[in-house]
């Protein structure tokens, strides 16, 4: 997902090789989305806007915490200091819509499908 997102940023800059990038540190960070599965179950009867907001805020929290931990060891692969709406260079508040949608995508991918007729 991140590689596609960064490649689309390259397209916006007219860099046609569309090089996307990530860091190996991101695999366990994105993999931690599996821990949201119980949250998805608890929120299943809540509205879409509420669920997406909870997911986006949770992702911000996880991004900030993991970024802070990696930053202490000079390993943080991202730095948002040069962007508007950043918090300590670790999260970008303007990414809220992306995290909102990513949370709903994770919900769809990680929630077991209900079998019809049972």
PDB file of N, CA and C in Angstrom:
ATOM      1  N   UNK A   1       0.823  -1.180   0.000  1.00  0.00           N
ATOM      2  CA  UNK A   1       0.000   0.000   0.000  1.00  0.00           C
ATOM      3  C   UNK A   1       0.881   1.262   0.000  1.00  0.00           C
ATOM      4  N   UNK A   2       1.908   1.262   0.842  1.00  0.00           N
ATOM      5  CA  UNK A   2       2.787   2.431   0.913  1.00  0.00           C
ATOM      6  C   UNK A   2       3.578   2.621  -0.371  1.00  0.00           C
ATOM      7  N   UNK A   3       4.005   1.537  -0.976  1.00  0.00           N
ATOM      8  CA  UNK A   3       4.759   1.633  -2.227  1.00  0.00           C
ATOM      9  C   UNK A   3       3.874   2.251  -3.314  1.00  0.00           C
ATOM     10  N   UNK A   4       2.625   1.836  -3.381  1.00  0.00           N
ATOM     11  CA  UNK A   4       1.692   2.424  -4.347  1.00  0.00           C
ATOM     12  C   UNK A   4       1.478   3.905  -4.054  1.00  0.00           C
ATOM     13  N   UNK A   5       1.300   4.244  -2.781  1.00  0.00           N
ATOM     14  CA  UNK A   5       1.068   5.634  -2.383  1.00  0.00           C
ATOM     15  C   UNK A   5       2.264   6.515  -2.762  1.00  0.00           C
ATOM     16  N   UNK A   6       3.473   6.047  -2.485  1.00  0.00           N
ATOM     17  CA  UNK A   6       4.658   6.860  -2.807  1.00  0.00           C
ATOM     18  C   UNK A   6       4.881   6.927  -4.323  1.00  0.00           C
ATOM     19  N   UNK A   7       4.515   5.872  -5.043  1.00  0.00           N
ATOM     20  CA  UNK A   7       4.627   5.905  -6.508  1.00  0.00           C
ATOM     21  C   UNK A   7       3.637   6.912  -7.088  1.00  0.00           C
ATOM     22  N   UNK A   8       2.455   7.023  -6.505  1.00  0.00           N
ATOM     23  CA  UNK A   8       1.489   8.024  -6.968  1.00  0.00           C
ATOM     24  C   UNK A   8       2.001   9.434  -6.698  1.00  0.00           C
ATOM     25  N   UNK A   9       2.741   9.610  -5.597  1.00  0.00           N
ATOM     26  CA  UNK A   9       3.389  10.895  -5.333  1.00  0.00           C
ATOM     27  C   UNK A   9       4.413  11.216  -6.405  1.00  0.00           C
ATOM     28  N   UNK A  10       5.125  10.192  -6.882  1.00  0.00           N
ATOM     29  CA  UNK A  10       6.089  10.385  -7.969  1.00  0.00           C
ATOM     30  C   UNK A  10       5.357  10.799  -9.242  1.00  0.00           C
ATOM     31  N   UNK A  11       4.193  10.223  -9.487  1.00  0.00           N
ATOM     32  CA  UNK A  11       3.398  10.592 -10.660  1.00  0.00           C
ATOM     33  C   UNK A  11       2.995  12.066 -10.580  1.00  0.00           C
ATOM     34  N   UNK A  12       2.606  12.511  -9.395  1.00  0.00           N
ATOM     35  CA  UNK A  12       2.237  13.914  -9.200  1.00  0.00           C
ATOM     36  C   UNK A  12       3.416  14.846  -9.518  1.00  0.00           C
ATOM     37  N   UNK A  13       4.632  14.364  -9.235  1.00  0.00           N
ATOM     38  CA  UNK A  13       5.838  15.147  -9.530  1.00  0.00           C
ATOM     39  C   UNK A  13       6.341  14.918 -10.961  1.00  0.00           C
ATOM     40  N   UNK A  14       5.567  14.175 -11.748  1.00  0.00           N
ATOM     41  CA  UNK A  14       5.893  13.846 -13.147  1.00  0.00           C
ATOM     42  C   UNK A  14       7.159  13.015 -13.273  1.00  0.00           C
ATOM     43  N   UNK A  15       7.426  12.189 -12.283  1.00  0.00           N
ATOM     44  CA  UNK A  15       8.553  11.245 -12.330  1.00  0.00           C
ATOM     45  C   UNK A  15       7.994   9.931 -12.858  1.00  0.00           C
ATOM     46  N   UNK A  16       8.035   9.759 -14.161  1.00  0.00           N
ATOM     47  CA  UNK A  16       7.322   8.672 -14.812  1.00  0.00           C
ATOM     48  C   UNK A  16       7.822   7.256 -14.532  1.00  0.00           C
ATOM     49  N   UNK A  17       9.050   7.039 -14.033  1.00  0.00           N
ATOM     50  CA  UNK A  17       9.372   5.663 -13.646  1.00  0.00           C
ATOM     51  C   UNK A  17       8.507   5.166 -12.476  1.00  0.00           C
ATOM     52  N   UNK A  18       7.794   6.093 -11.787  1.00  0.00           N
ATOM     53  CA  UNK A  18       6.862   5.758 -10.702  1.00  0.00           C
ATOM     54  C   UNK A  18       7.511   4.889  -9.622  1.00  0.00           C
ATOM     55  N   UNK A  19       8.656   5.319  -9.166  1.00  0.00           N
ATOM     56  CA  UNK A  19       9.361   4.574  -8.131  1.00  0.00           C
ATOM     57  C   UNK A  19       8.663   4.777  -6.791  1.00  0.00           C
ATOM     58  N   UNK A  20       8.145   3.693  -6.245  1.00  0.00           N
ATOM     59  CA  UNK A  20       7.582   3.703  -4.904  1.00  0.00           C
ATOM     60  C   UNK A  20       8.642   3.195  -3.941  1.00  0.00           C
ATOM     61  N   UNK A  21       8.492   3.555  -2.673  1.00  0.00           N
ATOM     62  CA  UNK A  21       9.501   3.100  -1.713  1.00  0.00           C
ATOM     63  C   UNK A  21       8.879   2.863  -0.345  1.00  0.00           C
ATOM     64  N   UNK A  22       9.576   2.075   0.434  1.00  0.00           N
ATOM     65  CA  UNK A  22       9.204   1.819   1.823  1.00  0.00           C
ATOM     66  C   UNK A  22      10.465   1.395   2.561  1.00  0.00           C
ATOM     67  N   UNK A  23      10.297   1.054   3.804  1.00  0.00           N
ATOM     68  CA  UNK A  23      11.395   0.573   4.643  1.00  0.00           C
ATOM     69  C   UNK A  23      10.973  -0.760   5.247  1.00  0.00           C
ATOM     70  N   UNK A  24      11.924  -1.623   5.490  1.00  0.00           N
ATOM     71  CA  UNK A  24      11.590  -2.891   6.149  1.00  0.00           C
ATOM     72  C   UNK A  24      10.969  -2.664   7.528  1.00  0.00           C
ATOM     73  N   UNK A  25      11.275  -1.532   8.159  1.00  0.00           N
ATOM     74  CA  UNK A  25      10.675  -1.226   9.459  1.00  0.00           C
ATOM     75  C   UNK A  25       9.157  -1.103   9.351  1.00  0.00           C
ATOM     76  N   UNK A  26       8.664  -0.823   8.153  1.00  0.00           N
ATOM     77  CA  UNK A  26       7.222  -0.625   7.983  1.00  0.00           C
ATOM     78  C   UNK A  26       6.436  -1.936   8.007  1.00  0.00           C
ATOM     79  N   UNK A  27       7.070  -3.052   7.723  1.00  0.00           N
ATOM     80  CA  UNK A  27       6.331  -4.317   7.682  1.00  0.00           C
ATOM     81  C   UNK A  27       5.720  -4.672   9.033  1.00  0.00           C
ATOM     82  N   UNK A  28       6.479  -4.653  10.136  1.00  0.00           N
ATOM     83  CA  UNK A  28       5.812  -4.941  11.419  1.00  0.00           C
ATOM     84  C   UNK A  28       4.840  -3.836  11.835  1.00  0.00           C
ATOM     85  N   UNK A  29       5.113  -2.606  11.422  1.00  0.00           N
ATOM     86  CA  UNK A  29       4.203  -1.508  11.772  1.00  0.00           C
ATOM     87  C   UNK A  29       2.863  -1.715  11.074  1.00  0.00           C
ATOM     88  N   UNK A  30       2.865  -1.954   9.773  1.00  0.00           N
ATOM     89  CA  UNK A  30       1.609  -2.209   9.066  1.00  0.00           C
ATOM     90  C   UNK A  30       1.002  -3.549   9.483  1.00  0.00           C
ATOM     91  N   UNK A  31       1.848  -4.515   9.787  1.00  0.00           N
ATOM     92  CA  UNK A  31       1.345  -5.810  10.244  1.00  0.00           C
ATOM     93  C   UNK A  31       0.582  -5.722  11.546  1.00  0.00           C
ATOM     94  N   UNK A  32       0.893  -4.700  12.338  1.00  0.00           N
ATOM     95  CA  UNK A  32       0.182  -4.545  13.612  1.00  0.00           C
ATOM     96  C   UNK A  32      -1.291  -4.227  13.400  1.00  0.00           C
ATOM     97  N   UNK A  33      -1.702  -3.936  12.165  1.00  0.00           N
ATOM     98  CA  UNK A  33      -3.125  -3.722  11.867  1.00  0.00           C
ATOM     99  C   UNK A  33      -3.946  -4.957  12.231  1.00  0.00           C
ATOM    100  N   UNK A  34      -3.319  -6.128  12.252  1.00  0.00           N
ATOM    101  CA  UNK A  34      -4.033  -7.351  12.644  1.00  0.00           C
ATOM    102  C   UNK A  34      -4.563  -7.266  14.070  1.00  0.00           C
ATOM    103  N   UNK A  35      -3.919  -6.455  14.914  1.00  0.00           N
ATOM    104  CA  UNK A  35      -4.389  -6.294  16.284  1.00  0.00           C
ATOM    105  C   UNK A  35      -5.701  -5.512  16.352  1.00  0.00           C
ATOM    106  N   UNK A  36      -6.107  -4.902  15.246  1.00  0.00           N
ATOM    107  CA  UNK A  36      -7.365  -4.161  15.201  1.00  0.00           C
ATOM    108  C   UNK A  36      -8.577  -5.079  15.094  1.00  0.00           C
ATOM    109  N   UNK A  37      -8.358  -6.337  14.803  1.00  0.00           N
ATOM    110  CA  UNK A  37      -9.477  -7.244  14.561  1.00  0.00           C
ATOM    111  C   UNK A  37     -10.522  -7.218  15.678  1.00  0.00           C
ATOM    112  N   UNK A  38     -10.127  -7.252  16.966  1.00  0.00           N
ATOM    113  CA  UNK A  38     -11.157  -7.147  18.015  1.00  0.00           C
ATOM    114  C   UNK A  38     -11.874  -5.791  18.013  1.00  0.00           C
ATOM    115  N   UNK A  39     -11.160  -4.749  17.612  1.00  0.00           N
ATOM    116  CA  UNK A  39     -11.784  -3.418  17.528  1.00  0.00           C
ATOM    117  C   UNK A  39     -12.837  -3.414  16.424  1.00  0.00           C
ATOM    118  N   UNK A  40     -12.524  -4.049  15.299  1.00  0.00           N
ATOM    119  CA  UNK A  40     -13.489  -4.131  14.207  1.00  0.00           C
ATOM    120  C   UNK A  40     -14.769  -4.807  14.687  1.00  0.00           C
ATOM    121  N   UNK A  41     -14.623  -5.881  15.445  1.00  0.00           N
ATOM    122  CA  UNK A  41     -15.801  -6.606  15.943  1.00  0.00           C
ATOM    123  C   UNK A  41     -16.632  -5.728  16.880  1.00  0.00           C
ATOM    124  N   UNK A  42     -15.964  -4.974  17.754  1.00  0.00           N
ATOM    125  CA  UNK A  42     -16.680  -4.107  18.696  1.00  0.00           C
ATOM    126  C   UNK A  42     -17.406  -2.952  18.013  1.00  0.00           C
ATOM    127  N   UNK A  43     -16.840  -2.487  16.915  1.00  0.00           N
ATOM    128  CA  UNK A  43     -17.408  -1.314  16.244  1.00  0.00           C
ATOM    129  C   UNK A  43     -18.336  -1.663  15.083  1.00  0.00           C
ATOM    130  N   UNK A  44     -18.588  -2.955  14.863  1.00  0.00           N
ATOM    131  CA  UNK A  44     -19.321  -3.355  13.659  1.00  0.00           C
ATOM    132  C   UNK A  44     -20.704  -2.725  13.536  1.00  0.00           C
ATOM    133  N   UNK A  45     -21.338  -2.368  14.649  1.00  0.00           N
ATOM    134  CA  UNK A  45     -22.679  -1.782  14.590  1.00  0.00           C
ATOM    135  C   UNK A  45     -22.660  -0.259  14.623  1.00  0.00           C
ATOM    136  N   UNK A  46     -21.485   0.333  14.629  1.00  0.00           N
ATOM    137  CA  UNK A  46     -21.361   1.800  14.632  1.00  0.00           C
ATOM    138  C   UNK A  46     -21.369   2.312  13.198  1.00  0.00           C
ATOM    139  N   UNK A  47     -21.631   3.578  13.058  1.00  0.00           N
ATOM    140  CA  UNK A  47     -21.680   4.188  11.735  1.00  0.00           C
ATOM    141  C   UNK A  47     -20.322   4.252  11.063  1.00  0.00           C
ATOM    142  N   UNK A  48     -20.362   4.376   9.765  1.00  0.00           N
ATOM    143  CA  UNK A  48     -19.149   4.411   8.945  1.00  0.00           C
ATOM    144  C   UNK A  48     -18.226   5.567   9.345  1.00  0.00           C
ATOM    145  N   UNK A  49     -18.780   6.762   9.525  1.00  0.00           N
ATOM    146  CA  UNK A  49     -17.961   7.922   9.868  1.00  0.00           C
ATOM    147  C   UNK A  49     -17.281   7.726  11.224  1.00  0.00           C
ATOM    148  N   UNK A  50     -18.002   7.199  12.196  1.00  0.00           N
ATOM    149  CA  UNK A  50     -17.425   6.962  13.523  1.00  0.00           C
ATOM    150  C   UNK A  50     -16.306   5.930  13.434  1.00  0.00           C
ATOM    151  N   UNK A  51     -16.564   4.805  12.747  1.00  0.00           N
ATOM    152  CA  UNK A  51     -15.554   3.749  12.626  1.00  0.00           C
ATOM    153  C   UNK A  51     -14.296   4.276  11.926  1.00  0.00           C
ATOM    154  N   UNK A  52     -14.475   4.954  10.802  1.00  0.00           N
ATOM    155  CA  UNK A  52     -13.327   5.485  10.072  1.00  0.00           C
ATOM    156  C   UNK A  52     -12.525   6.472  10.896  1.00  0.00           C
ATOM    157  N   UNK A  53     -13.221   7.285  11.691  1.00  0.00           N
ATOM    158  CA  UNK A  53     -12.536   8.254  12.548  1.00  0.00           C
ATOM    159  C   UNK A  53     -11.737   7.554  13.631  1.00  0.00           C
ATOM    160  N   UNK A  54     -12.327   6.547  14.263  1.00  0.00           N
ATOM    161  CA  UNK A  54     -11.606   5.776  15.292  1.00  0.00           C
ATOM    162  C   UNK A  54     -10.371   5.126  14.682  1.00  0.00           C
ATOM    163  N   UNK A  55     -10.514   4.558  13.498  1.00  0.00           N
ATOM    164  CA  UNK A  55      -9.385   3.898  12.845  1.00  0.00           C
ATOM    165  C   UNK A  55      -8.283   4.909  12.519  1.00  0.00           C
ATOM    166  N   UNK A  56      -8.659   6.057  11.958  1.00  0.00           N
ATOM    167  CA  UNK A  56      -7.664   7.069  11.583  1.00  0.00           C
ATOM    168  C   UNK A  56      -6.915   7.570  12.814  1.00  0.00           C
ATOM    169  N   UNK A  57      -7.639   7.857  13.886  1.00  0.00           N
ATOM    170  CA  UNK A  57      -6.979   8.330  15.104  1.00  0.00           C
ATOM    171  C   UNK A  57      -6.082   7.254  15.704  1.00  0.00           C
ATOM    172  N   UNK A  58      -6.512   6.002  15.628  1.00  0.00           N
ATOM    173  CA  UNK A  58      -5.692   4.897  16.130  1.00  0.00           C
ATOM    174  C   UNK A  58      -4.422   4.735  15.296  1.00  0.00           C
ATOM    175  N   UNK A  59      -4.559   4.877  13.991  1.00  0.00           N
ATOM    176  CA  UNK A  59      -3.388   4.780  13.114  1.00  0.00           C
ATOM    177  C   UNK A  59      -2.431   5.929  13.394  1.00  0.00           C
ATOM    178  N   UNK A  60      -2.971   7.136  13.603  1.00  0.00           N
ATOM    179  CA  UNK A  60      -2.111   8.264  13.993  1.00  0.00           C
ATOM    180  C   UNK A  60      -1.345   7.928  15.266  1.00  0.00           C
ATOM    181  N   UNK A  61      -2.033   7.360  16.247  1.00  0.00           N
ATOM    182  CA  UNK A  61      -1.374   6.999  17.504  1.00  0.00           C
ATOM    183  C   UNK A  61      -0.274   5.974  17.298  1.00  0.00           C
ATOM    184  N   UNK A  62      -0.565   4.954  16.494  1.00  0.00           N
ATOM    185  CA  UNK A  62       0.431   3.909  16.217  1.00  0.00           C
ATOM    186  C   UNK A  62       1.603   4.478  15.418  1.00  0.00           C
ATOM    187  N   UNK A  63       1.307   5.357  14.457  1.00  0.00           N
ATOM    188  CA  UNK A  63       2.376   5.963  13.648  1.00  0.00           C
ATOM    189  C   UNK A  63       3.261   6.849  14.517  1.00  0.00           C
ATOM    190  N   UNK A  64       2.628   7.619  15.403  1.00  0.00           N
ATOM    191  CA  UNK A  64       3.398   8.502  16.276  1.00  0.00           C
ATOM    192  C   UNK A  64       4.271   7.688  17.231  1.00  0.00           C
ATOM    193  N   UNK A  65       3.677   6.677  17.876  1.00  0.00           N
ATOM    194  CA  UNK A  65       4.418   5.861  18.851  1.00  0.00           C
ATOM    195  C   UNK A  65       5.561   5.104  18.186  1.00  0.00           C
ATOM    196  N   UNK A  66       5.295   4.486  17.037  1.00  0.00           N
ATOM    197  CA  UNK A  66       6.358   3.733  16.359  1.00  0.00           C
ATOM    198  C   UNK A  66       7.426   4.687  15.830  1.00  0.00           C
ATOM    199  N   UNK A  67       7.012   5.842  15.332  1.00  0.00           N
ATOM    200  CA  UNK A  67       7.979   6.834  14.851  1.00  0.00           C
ATOM    201  C   UNK A  67       8.857   7.350  15.975  1.00  0.00           C
ATOM    202  N   UNK A  68       8.250   7.589  17.135  1.00  0.00           N
ATOM    203  CA  UNK A  68       9.009   8.075  18.291  1.00  0.00           C
ATOM    204  C   UNK A  68      10.045   7.028  18.719  1.00  0.00           C
ATOM    205  N   UNK A  69       9.620   5.759  18.756  1.00  0.00           N
ATOM    206  CA  UNK A  69      10.526   4.675  19.136  1.00  0.00           C
ATOM    207  C   UNK A  69      11.681   4.554  18.132  1.00  0.00           C
ATOM    208  N   UNK A  70      11.363   4.555  16.840  1.00  0.00           N
ATOM    209  CA  UNK A  70      12.406   4.452  15.818  1.00  0.00           C
ATOM    210  C   UNK A  70      13.316   5.676  15.830  1.00  0.00           C
ATOM    211  N   UNK A  71      12.738   6.837  16.076  1.00  0.00           N
ATOM    212  CA  UNK A  71      13.514   8.076  16.106  1.00  0.00           C
ATOM    213  C   UNK A  71      14.560   8.066  17.225  1.00  0.00           C
ATOM    214  N   UNK A  72      14.221   7.454  18.356  1.00  0.00           N
ATOM    215  CA  UNK A  72      15.182   7.372  19.475  1.00  0.00           C
ATOM    216  C   UNK A  72      16.442   6.624  19.084  1.00  0.00           C
ATOM    217  N   UNK A  73      16.324   5.741  18.100  1.00  0.00           N
ATOM    218  CA  UNK A  73      17.458   4.924  17.656  1.00  0.00           C
ATOM    219  C   UNK A  73      17.968   5.371  16.275  1.00  0.00           C
ATOM    220  N   UNK A  74      17.566   6.565  15.850  1.00  0.00           N
ATOM    221  CA  UNK A  74      17.932   7.100  14.529  1.00  0.00           C
ATOM    222  C   UNK A  74      17.567   6.146  13.392  1.00  0.00           C
ATOM    223  N   UNK A  75      16.395   5.526  13.497  1.00  0.00           N
ATOM    224  CA  UNK A  75      15.961   4.559  12.489  1.00  0.00           C
ATOM    225  C   UNK A  75      14.664   4.953  11.792  1.00  0.00           C
ATOM    226  N   UNK A  76      14.079   6.067  12.169  1.00  0.00           N
ATOM    227  CA  UNK A  76      12.774   6.447  11.613  1.00  0.00           C
ATOM    228  C   UNK A  76      12.904   6.754  10.127  1.00  0.00           C
ATOM    229  N   UNK A  77      12.182   6.008   9.270  1.00  0.00           N
ATOM    230  CA  UNK A  77      12.329   6.214   7.825  1.00  0.00           C
ATOM    231  C   UNK A  77      11.533   7.402   7.282  1.00  0.00           C
ATOM    232  N   UNK A  78      10.767   8.084   8.104  1.00  0.00           N
ATOM    233  CA  UNK A  78      10.008   9.229   7.615  1.00  0.00           C
ATOM    234  C   UNK A  78      10.259  10.439   8.505  1.00  0.00           C
ATOM    235  N   UNK A  79      10.104  11.607   7.891  1.00  0.00           N
ATOM    236  CA  UNK A  79      10.222  12.863   8.615  1.00  0.00           C
ATOM    237  C   UNK A  79       9.336  13.871   7.899  1.00  0.00           C
ATOM    238  N   UNK A  80       8.288  14.298   8.562  1.00  0.00           N
ATOM    239  CA  UNK A  80       7.315  15.196   7.965  1.00  0.00           C
ATOM    240  C   UNK A  80       7.543  16.657   8.326  1.00  0.00           C
ATOM    241  N   UNK A  81       8.706  16.996   8.870  1.00  0.00           N
ATOM    242  CA  UNK A  81       8.970  18.368   9.316  1.00  0.00           C
ATOM    243  C   UNK A  81       8.788  19.413   8.217  1.00  0.00           C
ATOM    244  N   UNK A  82       9.036  19.068   6.994  1.00  0.00           N
ATOM    245  CA  UNK A  82       8.942  20.073   5.931  1.00  0.00           C
ATOM    246  C   UNK A  82       7.517  20.228   5.396  1.00  0.00           C
ATOM    247  N   UNK A  83       6.582  19.478   5.928  1.00  0.00           N
ATOM    248  CA  UNK A  83       5.188  19.539   5.483  1.00  0.00           C
ATOM    249  C   UNK A  83       4.343  20.321   6.480  1.00  0.00           C
ATOM    250  N   UNK A  84       3.276  20.890   5.981  1.00  0.00           N
ATOM    251  CA  UNK A  84       2.325  21.556   6.867  1.00  0.00           C
ATOM    252  C   UNK A  84       1.553  20.496   7.644  1.00  0.00           C
ATOM    253  N   UNK A  85       0.977  20.899   8.729  1.00  0.00           N
ATOM    254  CA  UNK A  85       0.083  20.048   9.513  1.00  0.00           C
ATOM    255  C   UNK A  85       0.759  18.824  10.101  1.00  0.00           C
ATOM    256  N   UNK A  86       2.052  18.894  10.390  1.00  0.00           N
ATOM    257  CA  UNK A  86       2.746  17.761  11.007  1.00  0.00           C
ATOM    258  C   UNK A  86       2.753  17.929  12.526  1.00  0.00           C
ATOM    259  N   UNK A  87       2.911  16.820  13.219  1.00  0.00           N
ATOM    260  CA  UNK A  87       3.069  16.817  14.674  1.00  0.00           C
ATOM    261  C   UNK A  87       4.426  16.189  14.967  1.00  0.00           C
ATOM    262  N   UNK A  88       5.367  17.020  15.415  1.00  0.00           N
ATOM    263  CA  UNK A  88       6.736  16.592  15.727  1.00  0.00           C
ATOM    264  C   UNK A  88       7.406  15.847  14.575  1.00  0.00           C
ATOM    265  N   UNK A  89       6.972  16.103  13.367  1.00  0.00           N
ATOM    266  CA  UNK A  89       7.561  15.458  12.191  1.00  0.00           C
ATOM    267  C   UNK A  89       7.198  13.991  12.055  1.00  0.00           C
ATOM    268  N   UNK A  90       6.330  13.488  12.938  1.00  0.00           N
ATOM    269  CA  UNK A  90       6.037  12.051  12.958  1.00  0.00           C
ATOM    270  C   UNK A  90       4.693  11.680  12.341  1.00  0.00           C
ATOM    271  N   UNK A  91       3.739  12.577  12.379  1.00  0.00           N
ATOM    272  CA  UNK A  91       2.463  12.326  11.714  1.00  0.00           C
ATOM    273  C   UNK A  91       2.056  13.575  10.953  1.00  0.00           C
ATOM    274  N   UNK A  92       1.260  13.366   9.914  1.00  0.00           N
ATOM    275  CA  UNK A  92       0.714  14.467   9.130  1.00  0.00           C
ATOM    276  C   UNK A  92      -0.798  14.451   9.269  1.00  0.00           C
ATOM    277  N   UNK A  93      -1.340  15.498   9.849  1.00  0.00           N
ATOM    278  CA  UNK A  93      -2.778  15.559  10.066  1.00  0.00           C
ATOM    279  C   UNK A  93      -3.556  15.608   8.754  1.00  0.00           C
ATOM    280  N   UNK A  94      -2.930  16.101   7.684  1.00  0.00           N
ATOM    281  CA  UNK A  94      -3.610  16.125   6.390  1.00  0.00           C
ATOM    282  C   UNK A  94      -3.741  14.721   5.783  1.00  0.00           C
ATOM    283  N   UNK A  95      -3.124  13.726   6.401  1.00  0.00           N
ATOM    284  CA  UNK A  95      -3.284  12.335   5.959  1.00  0.00           C
ATOM    285  C   UNK A  95      -4.531  11.683   6.578  1.00  0.00           C
ATOM    286  N   UNK A  96      -5.269  12.432   7.376  1.00  0.00           N
ATOM    287  CA  UNK A  96      -6.455  11.862   8.009  1.00  0.00           C
ATOM    288  C   UNK A  96      -7.369  11.135   7.017  1.00  0.00           C
ATOM    289  N   UNK A  97      -7.716  11.731   5.880  1.00  0.00           N
ATOM    290  CA  UNK A  97      -8.612  11.004   4.952  1.00  0.00           C
ATOM    291  C   UNK A  97      -8.017   9.691   4.458  1.00  0.00           C
ATOM    292  N   UNK A  98      -6.704   9.661   4.254  1.00  0.00           N
ATOM    293  CA  UNK A  98      -6.062   8.423   3.797  1.00  0.00           C
ATOM    294  C   UNK A  98      -6.124   7.346   4.873  1.00  0.00           C
ATOM    295  N   UNK A  99      -5.858   7.725   6.128  1.00  0.00           N
ATOM    296  CA  UNK A  99      -5.904   6.759   7.223  1.00  0.00           C
ATOM    297  C   UNK A  99      -7.339   6.333   7.503  1.00  0.00           C
ATOM    298  N   UNK A 100      -8.291   7.235   7.331  1.00  0.00           N
ATOM    299  CA  UNK A 100      -9.710   6.909   7.462  1.00  0.00           C
ATOM    300  C   UNK A 100     -10.056   5.775   6.495  1.00  0.00           C
ATOM    301  N   UNK A 101      -9.692   5.964   5.231  1.00  0.00           N
ATOM    302  CA  UNK A 101      -9.985   4.949   4.208  1.00  0.00           C
ATOM    303  C   UNK A 101      -9.165   3.674   4.409  1.00  0.00           C
ATOM    304  N   UNK A 102      -7.905   3.820   4.822  1.00  0.00           N
ATOM    305  CA  UNK A 102      -7.072   2.636   5.070  1.00  0.00           C
ATOM    306  C   UNK A 102      -7.660   1.802   6.201  1.00  0.00           C
ATOM    307  N   UNK A 103      -8.142   2.459   7.249  1.00  0.00           N
ATOM    308  CA  UNK A 103      -8.758   1.729   8.356  1.00  0.00           C
ATOM    309  C   UNK A 103      -9.973   0.949   7.896  1.00  0.00           C
ATOM    310  N   UNK A 104     -10.797   1.557   7.062  1.00  0.00           N
ATOM    311  CA  UNK A 104     -11.978   0.851   6.543  1.00  0.00           C
ATOM    312  C   UNK A 104     -11.569  -0.298   5.620  1.00  0.00           C
ATOM    313  N   UNK A 105     -10.480  -0.112   4.874  1.00  0.00           N
ATOM    314  CA  UNK A 105      -9.964  -1.197   4.038  1.00  0.00           C
ATOM    315  C   UNK A 105      -9.457  -2.341   4.910  1.00  0.00           C
ATOM    316  N   UNK A 106      -8.686  -2.013   5.954  1.00  0.00           N
ATOM    317  CA  UNK A 106      -8.212  -3.053   6.873  1.00  0.00           C
ATOM    318  C   UNK A 106      -9.391  -3.783   7.505  1.00  0.00           C
ATOM    319  N   UNK A 107     -10.442  -3.040   7.866  1.00  0.00           N
ATOM    320  CA  UNK A 107     -11.642  -3.649   8.448  1.00  0.00           C
ATOM    321  C   UNK A 107     -12.222  -4.679   7.485  1.00  0.00           C
ATOM    322  N   UNK A 108     -12.323  -4.290   6.221  1.00  0.00           N
ATOM    323  CA  UNK A 108     -12.891  -5.199   5.213  1.00  0.00           C
ATOM    324  C   UNK A 108     -12.014  -6.437   5.022  1.00  0.00           C
ATOM    325  N   UNK A 109     -10.703  -6.236   5.003  1.00  0.00           N
ATOM    326  CA  UNK A 109      -9.795  -7.356   4.770  1.00  0.00           C
ATOM    327  C   UNK A 109      -9.666  -8.287   5.976  1.00  0.00           C
ATOM    328  N   UNK A 110      -9.780  -7.739   7.181  1.00  0.00           N
ATOM    329  CA  UNK A 110      -9.501  -8.515   8.386  1.00  0.00           C
ATOM    330  C   UNK A 110     -10.741  -9.015   9.119  1.00  0.00           C
ATOM    331  N   UNK A 111     -11.928  -8.629   8.653  1.00  0.00           N
ATOM    332  CA  UNK A 111     -13.159  -9.085   9.291  1.00  0.00           C
ATOM    333  C   UNK A 111     -13.654 -10.321   8.560  1.00  0.00           C
ATOM    334  N   UNK A 112     -13.920 -11.396   9.313  1.00  0.00           N
ATOM    335  CA  UNK A 112     -14.416 -12.610   8.651  1.00  0.00           C
ATOM    336  C   UNK A 112     -15.753 -12.347   7.960  1.00  0.00           C
ATOM    337  N   UNK A 113     -15.911 -12.925   6.805  1.00  0.00           N
ATOM    338  CA  UNK A 113     -17.158 -12.771   6.051  1.00  0.00           C
ATOM    339  C   UNK A 113     -18.252 -13.598   6.719  1.00  0.00           C
ATOM    340  N   UNK A 114     -19.447 -13.034   6.784  1.00  0.00           N
ATOM    341  CA  UNK A 114     -20.596 -13.757   7.322  1.00  0.00           C
ATOM    342  C   UNK A 114     -21.146 -14.656   6.225  1.00  0.00           C
ATOM    343  N   UNK A 115     -21.350 -15.913   6.575  1.00  0.00           N
ATOM    344  CA  UNK A 115     -21.925 -16.837   5.603  1.00  0.00           C
ATOM    345  C   UNK A 115     -23.430 -16.590   5.513  1.00  0.00           C
ATOM    346  N   UNK A 116     -23.957 -16.490   4.292  1.00  0.00           N
ATOM    347  CA  UNK A 116     -25.389 -16.246   4.140  1.00  0.00           C
ATOM    348  C   UNK A 116     -26.169 -17.530   4.334  1.00  0.00           C
ATOM    349  N   UNK A 117     -27.388 -17.383   4.845  1.00  0.00           N
ATOM    350  CA  UNK A 117     -28.266 -18.530   5.036  1.00  0.00           C
ATOM    351  C   UNK A 117     -28.034 -19.287   6.321  1.00  0.00           C
ATOM    352  N   UNK A 118     -27.222 -18.791   7.223  1.00  0.00           N
ATOM    353  CA  UNK A 118     -26.980 -19.502   8.484  1.00  0.00           C
ATOM    354  C   UNK A 118     -27.373 -18.652   9.645  1.00  0.00           C
TER     355      UNK A 118
END
